[in-house]
Every structure is written in structure tokens, then in C-alpha cells.
Amino acid sequence: MNTAVDFDCQTCGACCSFSSDWPRFSTETDAHLDSLPPHFVAEDEQGMRCYGARCSALEGRVGSSTSCSIYDLRPDVCRACTPGDGACLQARSSFGLV
């Protein structure tokens, strides 16, 4: 079985491209939310703006080279994502990366 050390998020990006329902705001403070660039926030202000299933803050090509353009400001749900956990494996599987 793979462990978290086997996964390099910067060559993946699947979790940021898997579901537009995933990057939702939940435990962020108002100050944290106010610090996010508005063009990355969904119109309903409940999460990150997505294009299809892909988070608008994701740069690069999934499965090749990716980065988060707001990494230091990313929502709590993104911070809680753990390389190699169930959600990670499901997202990677949807892109044929597992």
C-alpha cells in the first residue's frame, strides 16, 4: 500500500480538479475570507470559484506539474487534504493517477 510520502502534490493536482463541490468554505474566519483575491471566490461566496470541476487557483497541468496560486491563503479544506488519504486516492483515480 502507498503511503503519503509516495505522493507529490506538485506533480498531481487531482484533488483541486476533482469536484467543484469540494473547495467549500467552512471554518475560515471572516478576515481569512476577506484576504482571498475576489476573482478566486465563487459567486455565492461559499467556496472557491471553479471552472468545471477545477479550482480557479490551480495552475499547471494535472498529473504533470501543478501549484496553487494562493497556497498561503488556501481554504481550510485544502489545508486538511492529506496526500494518500481516501479523498486523495479517489481524486487521483479519476485522473488515472493511481
PDB file of N, CA and C in Angstrom:
ATOM      1  N   MET A   1       0.850  -1.193   0.000  1.00  0.00           N
ATOM      2  CA  MET A   1       0.000   0.000   0.000  1.00  0.00           C
ATOM      3  C   MET A   1       0.881   1.237   0.000  1.00  0.00           C
ATOM      4  N   ASN A   2       0.480   2.255  -0.760  1.00  0.00           N
ATOM      5  CA  ASN A   2       1.227   3.504  -0.822  1.00  0.00           C
ATOM      6  C   ASN A   2       1.058   4.291   0.464  1.00  0.00           C
ATOM      7  N   THR A   3       2.059   5.089   0.777  1.00  0.00           N
ATOM      8  CA  THR A   3       1.981   5.971   1.931  1.00  0.00           C
ATOM      9  C   THR A   3       2.023   7.401   1.442  1.00  0.00           C
ATOM     10  N   ALA A   4       1.747   8.340   2.333  1.00  0.00           N
ATOM     11  CA  ALA A   4       1.683   9.746   1.954  1.00  0.00           C
ATOM     12  C   ALA A   4       2.979  10.232   1.322  1.00  0.00           C
ATOM     13  N   VAL A   5       4.118   9.666   1.722  1.00  0.00           N
ATOM     14  CA  VAL A   5       5.391  10.125   1.174  1.00  0.00           C
ATOM     15  C   VAL A   5       5.544   9.758  -0.295  1.00  0.00           C
ATOM     16  N   ASP A   6       4.711   8.861  -0.804  1.00  0.00           N
ATOM     17  CA  ASP A   6       4.772   8.472  -2.207  1.00  0.00           C
ATOM     18  C   ASP A   6       4.110   9.490  -3.131  1.00  0.00           C
ATOM     19  N   PHE A   7       3.417  10.465  -2.595  1.00  0.00           N
ATOM     20  CA  PHE A   7       2.636  11.399  -3.399  1.00  0.00           C
ATOM     21  C   PHE A   7       3.262  12.786  -3.393  1.00  0.00           C
ATOM     22  N   ASP A   8       3.440  13.325  -4.575  1.00  0.00           N
ATOM     23  CA  ASP A   8       3.968  14.671  -4.738  1.00  0.00           C
ATOM     24  C   ASP A   8       2.845  15.546  -5.287  1.00  0.00           C
ATOM     25  N   CYS A   9       2.286  16.378  -4.444  1.00  0.00           N
ATOM     26  CA  CYS A   9       1.149  17.212  -4.837  1.00  0.00           C
ATOM     27  C   CYS A   9       1.474  18.114  -6.020  1.00  0.00           C
ATOM     28  N   GLN A  10       2.718  18.517  -6.155  1.00  0.00           N
ATOM     29  CA  GLN A  10       3.083  19.425  -7.235  1.00  0.00           C
ATOM     30  C   GLN A  10       3.207  18.733  -8.591  1.00  0.00           C
ATOM     31  N   THR A  11       3.085  17.425  -8.604  1.00  0.00           N
ATOM     32  CA  THR A  11       3.009  16.718  -9.888  1.00  0.00           C
ATOM     33  C   THR A  11       1.651  16.058 -10.037  1.00  0.00           C
ATOM     34  N   CYS A  12       0.706  16.448  -9.196  1.00  0.00           N
ATOM     35  CA  CYS A  12      -0.620  15.831  -9.221  1.00  0.00           C
ATOM     36  C   CYS A  12      -1.699  16.871  -9.507  1.00  0.00           C
ATOM     37  N   GLY A  13      -2.261  17.485  -8.475  1.00  0.00           N
ATOM     38  CA  GLY A  13      -3.316  18.475  -8.633  1.00  0.00           C
ATOM     39  C   GLY A  13      -4.714  17.896  -8.789  1.00  0.00           C
ATOM     40  N   ALA A  14      -4.831  16.565  -8.681  1.00  0.00           N
ATOM     41  CA  ALA A  14      -6.133  15.919  -8.887  1.00  0.00           C
ATOM     42  C   ALA A  14      -7.178  16.396  -7.883  1.00  0.00           C
ATOM     43  N   CYS A  15      -6.802  16.581  -6.633  1.00  0.00           N
ATOM     44  CA  CYS A  15      -7.774  16.992  -5.619  1.00  0.00           C
ATOM     45  C   CYS A  15      -8.343  18.378  -5.921  1.00  0.00           C
ATOM     46  N   CYS A  16      -7.590  19.201  -6.612  1.00  0.00           N
ATOM     47  CA  CYS A  16      -8.026  20.555  -6.955  1.00  0.00           C
ATOM     48  C   CYS A  16      -8.808  20.596  -8.264  1.00  0.00           C
ATOM     49  N   SER A  17      -8.968  19.446  -8.880  1.00  0.00           N
ATOM     50  CA  SER A  17      -9.648  19.365 -10.179  1.00  0.00           C
ATOM     51  C   SER A  17     -10.727  18.301 -10.204  1.00  0.00           C
ATOM     52  N   PHE A  18     -11.037  17.751  -9.050  1.00  0.00           N
ATOM     53  CA  PHE A  18     -11.913  16.594  -8.967  1.00  0.00           C
ATOM     54  C   PHE A  18     -13.392  16.945  -8.842  1.00  0.00           C
ATOM     55  N   SER A  19     -13.715  17.990  -8.069  1.00  0.00           N
ATOM     56  CA  SER A  19     -15.118  18.312  -7.812  1.00  0.00           C
ATOM     57  C   SER A  19     -15.273  19.780  -7.444  1.00  0.00           C
ATOM     58  N   SER A  20     -16.196  20.454  -8.087  1.00  0.00           N
ATOM     59  CA  SER A  20     -16.439  21.859  -7.747  1.00  0.00           C
ATOM     60  C   SER A  20     -17.139  21.996  -6.396  1.00  0.00           C
ATOM     61  N   ASP A  21     -17.662  20.904  -5.852  1.00  0.00           N
ATOM     62  CA  ASP A  21     -18.295  20.926  -4.532  1.00  0.00           C
ATOM     63  C   ASP A  21     -17.283  20.829  -3.401  1.00  0.00           C
ATOM     64  N   TRP A  22     -16.061  20.431  -3.727  1.00  0.00           N
ATOM     65  CA  TRP A  22     -15.071  20.169  -2.691  1.00  0.00           C
ATOM     66  C   TRP A  22     -14.466  21.428  -2.074  1.00  0.00           C
ATOM     67  N   PRO A  23     -14.029  22.414  -2.843  1.00  0.00           N
ATOM     68  CA  PRO A  23     -13.332  23.534  -2.188  1.00  0.00           C
ATOM     69  C   PRO A  23     -14.294  24.521  -1.532  1.00  0.00           C
ATOM     70  N   ARG A  24     -15.051  24.044  -0.523  1.00  0.00           N
ATOM     71  CA  ARG A  24     -16.053  24.861   0.165  1.00  0.00           C
ATOM     72  C   ARG A  24     -15.441  25.500   1.403  1.00  0.00           C
ATOM     73  N   PHE A  25     -15.930  26.664   1.733  1.00  0.00           N
ATOM     74  CA  PHE A  25     -15.502  27.335   2.959  1.00  0.00           C
ATOM     75  C   PHE A  25     -16.301  26.763   4.120  1.00  0.00           C
ATOM     76  N   SER A  26     -15.641  26.573   5.250  1.00  0.00           N
ATOM     77  CA  SER A  26     -16.350  26.016   6.399  1.00  0.00           C
ATOM     78  C   SER A  26     -15.906  26.640   7.712  1.00  0.00           C
ATOM     79  N   THR A  27     -14.631  26.616   8.010  1.00  0.00           N
ATOM     80  CA  THR A  27     -14.162  27.089   9.313  1.00  0.00           C
ATOM     81  C   THR A  27     -13.298  28.342   9.221  1.00  0.00           C
ATOM     82  N   GLU A  28     -13.232  28.960   8.041  1.00  0.00           N
ATOM     83  CA  GLU A  28     -12.418  30.160   7.867  1.00  0.00           C
ATOM     84  C   GLU A  28     -13.029  31.342   8.619  1.00  0.00           C
ATOM     85  N   THR A  29     -12.177  32.203   9.088  1.00  0.00           N
ATOM     86  CA  THR A  29     -12.652  33.437   9.714  1.00  0.00           C
ATOM     87  C   THR A  29     -13.026  34.437   8.619  1.00  0.00           C
ATOM     88  N   ASP A  30     -13.803  35.425   8.968  1.00  0.00           N
ATOM     89  CA  ASP A  30     -14.139  36.474   8.012  1.00  0.00           C
ATOM     90  C   ASP A  30     -12.874  37.169   7.505  1.00  0.00           C
ATOM     91  N   ALA A  31     -11.908  37.367   8.392  1.00  0.00           N
ATOM     92  CA  ALA A  31     -10.649  38.015   7.996  1.00  0.00           C
ATOM     93  C   ALA A  31      -9.913  37.170   6.964  1.00  0.00           C
ATOM     94  N   HIS A  32      -9.902  35.863   7.167  1.00  0.00           N
ATOM     95  CA  HIS A  32      -9.247  34.971   6.199  1.00  0.00           C
ATOM     96  C   HIS A  32      -9.957  35.033   4.859  1.00  0.00           C
ATOM     97  N   LEU A  33     -11.259  34.965   4.879  1.00  0.00           N
ATOM     98  CA  LEU A  33     -12.023  35.021   3.628  1.00  0.00           C
ATOM     99  C   LEU A  33     -11.826  36.361   2.922  1.00  0.00           C
ATOM    100  N   ASP A  34     -11.742  37.431   3.689  1.00  0.00           N
ATOM    101  CA  ASP A  34     -11.525  38.752   3.099  1.00  0.00           C
ATOM    102  C   ASP A  34     -10.143  38.867   2.456  1.00  0.00           C
ATOM    103  N   SER A  35      -9.203  38.023   2.868  1.00  0.00           N
ATOM    104  CA  SER A  35      -7.853  38.084   2.310  1.00  0.00           C
ATOM    105  C   SER A  35      -7.741  37.359   0.965  1.00  0.00           C
ATOM    106  N   LEU A  36      -8.743  36.544   0.613  1.00  0.00           N
ATOM    107  CA  LEU A  36      -8.711  35.835  -0.668  1.00  0.00           C
ATOM    108  C   LEU A  36      -8.988  36.793  -1.817  1.00  0.00           C
ATOM    109  N   PRO A  37      -8.201  36.711  -2.875  1.00  0.00           N
ATOM    110  CA  PRO A  37      -8.496  37.556  -4.045  1.00  0.00           C
ATOM    111  C   PRO A  37      -9.908  37.250  -4.550  1.00  0.00           C
ATOM    112  N   PRO A  38     -10.750  38.252  -4.702  1.00  0.00           N
ATOM    113  CA  PRO A  38     -12.159  38.035  -5.061  1.00  0.00           C
ATOM    114  C   PRO A  38     -12.373  37.223  -6.333  1.00  0.00           C
ATOM    115  N   HIS A  39     -11.464  37.311  -7.292  1.00  0.00           N
ATOM    116  CA  HIS A  39     -11.662  36.574  -8.542  1.00  0.00           C
ATOM    117  C   HIS A  39     -11.481  35.059  -8.370  1.00  0.00           C
ATOM    118  N   PHE A  40     -11.012  34.616  -7.204  1.00  0.00           N
ATOM    119  CA  PHE A  40     -10.901  33.184  -6.922  1.00  0.00           C
ATOM    120  C   PHE A  40     -12.084  32.658  -6.110  1.00  0.00           C
ATOM    121  N   VAL A  41     -12.971  33.542  -5.676  1.00  0.00           N
ATOM    122  CA  VAL A  41     -14.102  33.155  -4.831  1.00  0.00           C
ATOM    123  C   VAL A  41     -15.354  32.979  -5.692  1.00  0.00           C
ATOM    124  N   ALA A  42     -16.102  31.910  -5.427  1.00  0.00           N
ATOM    125  CA  ALA A  42     -17.331  31.632  -6.175  1.00  0.00           C
ATOM    126  C   ALA A  42     -18.338  32.759  -5.988  1.00  0.00           C
ATOM    127  N   GLU A  43     -19.215  32.912  -6.965  1.00  0.00           N
ATOM    128  CA  GLU A  43     -20.218  33.983  -6.907  1.00  0.00           C
ATOM    129  C   GLU A  43     -21.080  33.898  -5.663  1.00  0.00           C
ATOM    130  N   ASP A  44     -21.385  32.671  -5.186  1.00  0.00           N
ATOM    131  CA  ASP A  44     -22.213  32.540  -3.983  1.00  0.00           C
ATOM    132  C   ASP A  44     -21.395  32.719  -2.700  1.00  0.00           C
ATOM    133  N   GLU A  45     -20.097  32.933  -2.836  1.00  0.00           N
ATOM    134  CA  GLU A  45     -19.167  33.169  -1.736  1.00  0.00           C
ATOM    135  C   GLU A  45     -19.102  32.018  -0.735  1.00  0.00           C
ATOM    136  N   GLN A  46     -19.453  30.827  -1.170  1.00  0.00           N
ATOM    137  CA  GLN A  46     -19.426  29.654  -0.289  1.00  0.00           C
ATOM    138  C   GLN A  46     -18.183  28.797  -0.473  1.00  0.00           C
ATOM    139  N   GLY A  47     -17.375  29.124  -1.476  1.00  0.00           N
ATOM    140  CA  GLY A  47     -16.177  28.341  -1.744  1.00  0.00           C
ATOM    141  C   GLY A  47     -15.362  28.979  -2.846  1.00  0.00           C
ATOM    142  N   MET A  48     -14.411  28.222  -3.326  1.00  0.00           N
ATOM    143  CA  MET A  48     -13.542  28.702  -4.390  1.00  0.00           C
ATOM    144  C   MET A  48     -14.274  28.662  -5.726  1.00  0.00           C
ATOM    145  N   ARG A  49     -13.964  29.610  -6.593  1.00  0.00           N
ATOM    146  CA  ARG A  49     -14.507  29.612  -7.955  1.00  0.00           C
ATOM    147  C   ARG A  49     -13.868  28.442  -8.708  1.00  0.00           C
ATOM    148  N   CYS A  50     -14.697  27.722  -9.410  1.00  0.00           N
ATOM    149  CA  CYS A  50     -14.211  26.596 -10.202  1.00  0.00           C
ATOM    150  C   CYS A  50     -14.622  26.769 -11.653  1.00  0.00           C
ATOM    151  N   TYR A  51     -13.812  26.234 -12.525  1.00  0.00           N
ATOM    152  CA  TYR A  51     -14.128  26.153 -13.944  1.00  0.00           C
ATOM    153  C   TYR A  51     -14.354  24.676 -14.222  1.00  0.00           C
ATOM    154  N   GLY A  52     -15.622  24.301 -14.348  1.00  0.00           N
ATOM    155  CA  GLY A  52     -15.955  22.883 -14.371  1.00  0.00           C
ATOM    156  C   GLY A  52     -15.695  22.359 -12.977  1.00  0.00           C
ATOM    157  N   ALA A  53     -14.868  21.354 -12.850  1.00  0.00           N
ATOM    158  CA  ALA A  53     -14.517  20.788 -11.550  1.00  0.00           C
ATOM    159  C   ALA A  53     -13.189  21.334 -11.021  1.00  0.00           C
ATOM    160  N   ARG A  54     -12.515  22.147 -11.810  1.00  0.00           N
ATOM    161  CA  ARG A  54     -11.160  22.614 -11.477  1.00  0.00           C
ATOM    162  C   ARG A  54     -11.194  23.937 -10.706  1.00  0.00           C
ATOM    163  N   CYS A  55     -10.483  23.977  -9.597  1.00  0.00           N
ATOM    164  CA  CYS A  55     -10.362  25.197  -8.802  1.00  0.00           C
ATOM    165  C   CYS A  55      -9.625  26.255  -9.626  1.00  0.00           C
ATOM    166  N   SER A  56     -10.125  27.469  -9.586  1.00  0.00           N
ATOM    167  CA  SER A  56      -9.532  28.555 -10.369  1.00  0.00           C
ATOM    168  C   SER A  56      -8.128  28.934  -9.892  1.00  0.00           C
ATOM    169  N   ALA A  57      -7.764  28.558  -8.673  1.00  0.00           N
ATOM    170  CA  ALA A  57      -6.442  28.889  -8.148  1.00  0.00           C
ATOM    171  C   ALA A  57      -5.371  27.878  -8.569  1.00  0.00           C
ATOM    172  N   LEU A  58      -5.787  26.767  -9.158  1.00  0.00           N
ATOM    173  CA  LEU A  58      -4.825  25.747  -9.585  1.00  0.00           C
ATOM    174  C   LEU A  58      -4.147  26.184 -10.873  1.00  0.00           C
ATOM    175  N   GLU A  59      -2.834  26.118 -10.875  1.00  0.00           N
ATOM    176  CA  GLU A  59      -2.050  26.419 -12.072  1.00  0.00           C
ATOM    177  C   GLU A  59      -1.368  25.145 -12.544  1.00  0.00           C
ATOM    178  N   GLY A  60      -1.166  25.036 -13.833  1.00  0.00           N
ATOM    179  CA  GLY A  60      -0.441  23.904 -14.386  1.00  0.00           C
ATOM    180  C   GLY A  60      -1.349  22.827 -14.936  1.00  0.00           C
ATOM    181  N   ARG A  61      -0.752  21.670 -15.192  1.00  0.00           N
ATOM    182  CA  ARG A  61      -1.443  20.544 -15.801  1.00  0.00           C
ATOM    183  C   ARG A  61      -1.532  19.382 -14.813  1.00  0.00           C
ATOM    184  N   VAL A  62      -2.749  18.927 -14.540  1.00  0.00           N
ATOM    185  CA  VAL A  62      -2.971  17.825 -13.606  1.00  0.00           C
ATOM    186  C   VAL A  62      -2.179  16.607 -14.059  1.00  0.00           C
ATOM    187  N   GLY A  63      -1.469  15.996 -13.108  1.00  0.00           N
ATOM    188  CA  GLY A  63      -0.677  14.803 -13.380  1.00  0.00           C
ATOM    189  C   GLY A  63       0.707  15.092 -13.911  1.00  0.00           C
ATOM    190  N   SER A  64       1.030  16.378 -14.074  1.00  0.00           N
ATOM    191  CA  SER A  64       2.326  16.737 -14.635  1.00  0.00           C
ATOM    192  C   SER A  64       3.068  17.721 -13.732  1.00  0.00           C
ATOM    193  N   SER A  65       2.538  18.919 -13.641  1.00  0.00           N
ATOM    194  CA  SER A  65       3.151  19.959 -12.824  1.00  0.00           C
ATOM    195  C   SER A  65       2.070  20.949 -12.429  1.00  0.00           C
ATOM    196  N   THR A  66       1.813  21.073 -11.133  1.00  0.00           N
ATOM    197  CA  THR A  66       0.765  21.964 -10.649  1.00  0.00           C
ATOM    198  C   THR A  66       1.235  22.763  -9.440  1.00  0.00           C
ATOM    199  N   SER A  67       0.532  23.842  -9.190  1.00  0.00           N
ATOM    200  CA  SER A  67       0.761  24.622  -7.979  1.00  0.00           C
ATOM    201  C   SER A  67      -0.512  25.412  -7.682  1.00  0.00           C
ATOM    202  N   CYS A  68      -0.622  25.847  -6.455  1.00  0.00           N
ATOM    203  CA  CYS A  68      -1.756  26.656  -6.024  1.00  0.00           C
ATOM    204  C   CYS A  68      -1.298  28.110  -6.008  1.00  0.00           C
ATOM    205  N   SER A  69      -2.012  28.942  -6.747  1.00  0.00           N
ATOM    206  CA  SER A  69      -1.609  30.343  -6.830  1.00  0.00           C
ATOM    207  C   SER A  69      -1.918  31.132  -5.561  1.00  0.00           C
ATOM    208  N   ILE A  70      -2.674  30.539  -4.640  1.00  0.00           N
ATOM    209  CA  ILE A  70      -2.954  31.200  -3.356  1.00  0.00           C
ATOM    210  C   ILE A  70      -2.599  30.268  -2.194  1.00  0.00           C
ATOM    211  N   TYR A  71      -1.552  29.496  -2.350  1.00  0.00           N
ATOM    212  CA  TYR A  71      -1.189  28.457  -1.385  1.00  0.00           C
ATOM    213  C   TYR A  71      -1.210  28.957   0.062  1.00  0.00           C
ATOM    214  N   ASP A  72      -0.600  30.083   0.328  1.00  0.00           N
ATOM    215  CA  ASP A  72      -0.546  30.595   1.710  1.00  0.00           C
ATOM    216  C   ASP A  72      -1.910  31.049   2.224  1.00  0.00           C
ATOM    217  N   LEU A  73      -2.848  31.327   1.314  1.00  0.00           N
ATOM    218  CA  LEU A  73      -4.186  31.786   1.695  1.00  0.00           C
ATOM    219  C   LEU A  73      -5.260  30.723   1.498  1.00  0.00           C
ATOM    220  N   ARG A  74      -4.888  29.532   1.045  1.00  0.00           N
ATOM    221  CA  ARG A  74      -5.866  28.498   0.666  1.00  0.00           C
ATOM    222  C   ARG A  74      -6.831  28.204   1.810  1.00  0.00           C
ATOM    223  N   PRO A  75      -8.060  27.790   1.463  1.00  0.00           N
ATOM    224  CA  PRO A  75      -9.077  27.492   2.476  1.00  0.00           C
ATOM    225  C   PRO A  75      -8.683  26.318   3.373  1.00  0.00           C
ATOM    226  N   ASP A  76      -9.346  26.229   4.508  1.00  0.00           N
ATOM    227  CA  ASP A  76      -9.065  25.167   5.470  1.00  0.00           C
ATOM    228  C   ASP A  76      -9.252  23.779   4.875  1.00  0.00           C
ATOM    229  N   VAL A  77     -10.249  23.589   4.017  1.00  0.00           N
ATOM    230  CA  VAL A  77     -10.482  22.278   3.421  1.00  0.00           C
ATOM    231  C   VAL A  77      -9.260  21.841   2.617  1.00  0.00           C
ATOM    232  N   CYS A  78      -8.590  22.777   1.988  1.00  0.00           N
ATOM    233  CA  CYS A  78      -7.387  22.457   1.222  1.00  0.00           C
ATOM    234  C   CYS A  78      -6.224  22.134   2.157  1.00  0.00           C
ATOM    235  N   ARG A  79      -6.153  22.821   3.269  1.00  0.00           N
ATOM    236  CA  ARG A  79      -5.092  22.557   4.244  1.00  0.00           C
ATOM    237  C   ARG A  79      -5.262  21.180   4.883  1.00  0.00           C
ATOM    238  N   ALA A  80      -6.505  20.737   5.004  1.00  0.00           N
ATOM    239  CA  ALA A  80      -6.789  19.448   5.644  1.00  0.00           C
ATOM    240  C   ALA A  80      -6.552  18.263   4.710  1.00  0.00           C
ATOM    241  N   CYS A  81      -6.429  18.522   3.439  1.00  0.00           N
ATOM    242  CA  CYS A  81      -6.222  17.451   2.472  1.00  0.00           C
ATOM    243  C   CYS A  81      -4.879  16.774   2.753  1.00  0.00           C
ATOM    244  N   THR A  82      -4.896  15.470   2.858  1.00  0.00           N
ATOM    245  CA  THR A  82      -3.701  14.716   3.182  1.00  0.00           C
ATOM    246  C   THR A  82      -3.293  13.831   2.012  1.00  0.00           C
ATOM    247  N   PRO A  83      -2.085  14.006   1.502  1.00  0.00           N
ATOM    248  CA  PRO A  83      -1.626  13.153   0.398  1.00  0.00           C
ATOM    249  C   PRO A  83      -1.729  11.678   0.766  1.00  0.00           C
ATOM    250  N   GLY A  84      -2.409  10.933  -0.093  1.00  0.00           N
ATOM    251  CA  GLY A  84      -2.540   9.495   0.107  1.00  0.00           C
ATOM    252  C   GLY A  84      -3.771   9.072   0.884  1.00  0.00           C
ATOM    253  N   ASP A  85      -4.582  10.027   1.389  1.00  0.00           N
ATOM    254  CA  ASP A  85      -5.790   9.626   2.119  1.00  0.00           C
ATOM    255  C   ASP A  85      -6.869   9.192   1.127  1.00  0.00           C
ATOM    256  N   GLY A  86      -8.013   8.800   1.622  1.00  0.00           N
ATOM    257  CA  GLY A  86      -9.087   8.281   0.772  1.00  0.00           C
ATOM    258  C   GLY A  86      -9.541   9.250  -0.298  1.00  0.00           C
ATOM    259  N   ALA A  87      -9.714  10.522   0.075  1.00  0.00           N
ATOM    260  CA  ALA A  87     -10.152  11.529  -0.894  1.00  0.00           C
ATOM    261  C   ALA A  87      -9.083  11.749  -1.962  1.00  0.00           C
ATOM    262  N   CYS A  88      -7.828  11.756  -1.551  1.00  0.00           N
ATOM    263  CA  CYS A  88      -6.713  11.903  -2.484  1.00  0.00           C
ATOM    264  C   CYS A  88      -6.721  10.757  -3.488  1.00  0.00           C
ATOM    265  N   LEU A  89      -6.839   9.548  -2.978  1.00  0.00           N
ATOM    266  CA  LEU A  89      -6.815   8.376  -3.861  1.00  0.00           C
ATOM    267  C   LEU A  89      -8.004   8.368  -4.818  1.00  0.00           C
ATOM    268  N   GLN A  90      -9.165   8.813  -4.345  1.00  0.00           N
ATOM    269  CA  GLN A  90     -10.340   8.878  -5.213  1.00  0.00           C
ATOM    270  C   GLN A  90     -10.120   9.896  -6.329  1.00  0.00           C
ATOM    271  N   ALA A  91      -9.602  11.067  -5.978  1.00  0.00           N
ATOM    272  CA  ALA A  91      -9.339  12.108  -6.984  1.00  0.00           C
ATOM    273  C   ALA A  91      -8.281  11.631  -7.968  1.00  0.00           C
ATOM    274  N   ARG A  92      -7.205  11.041  -7.468  1.00  0.00           N
ATOM    275  CA  ARG A  92      -6.137  10.550  -8.344  1.00  0.00           C
ATOM    276  C   ARG A  92      -6.673   9.467  -9.275  1.00  0.00           C
ATOM    277  N   SER A  93      -7.505   8.615  -8.751  1.00  0.00           N
ATOM    278  CA  SER A  93      -8.081   7.538  -9.562  1.00  0.00           C
ATOM    279  C   SER A  93      -8.909   8.089 -10.712  1.00  0.00           C
ATOM    280  N   SER A  94      -9.639   9.174 -10.459  1.00  0.00           N
ATOM    281  CA  SER A  94     -10.482   9.752 -11.509  1.00  0.00           C
ATOM    282  C   SER A  94      -9.655  10.291 -12.675  1.00  0.00           C
ATOM    283  N   PHE A  95      -8.385  10.572 -12.426  1.00  0.00           N
ATOM    284  CA  PHE A  95      -7.489  11.043 -13.478  1.00  0.00           C
ATOM    285  C   PHE A  95      -6.530   9.948 -13.949  1.00  0.00           C
ATOM    286  N   GLY A  96      -6.730   8.730 -13.447  1.00  0.00           N
ATOM    287  CA  GLY A  96      -5.851   7.625 -13.836  1.00  0.00           C
ATOM    288  C   GLY A  96      -4.460   7.743 -13.255  1.00  0.00           C
ATOM    289  N   LEU A  97      -4.330   8.373 -12.099  1.00  0.00           N
ATOM    290  CA  LEU A  97      -3.009   8.588 -11.488  1.00  0.00           C
ATOM    291  C   LEU A  97      -2.675   7.621 -10.372  1.00  0.00           C
ATOM    292  N   VAL A  98      -3.527   6.644 -10.107  1.00  0.00           N
ATOM    293  CA  VAL A  98      -3.254   5.674  -9.024  1.00  0.00           C
ATOM    294  C   VAL A  98      -2.869   4.352  -9.653  1.00  0.00           C
TER     295      VAL A  98
END
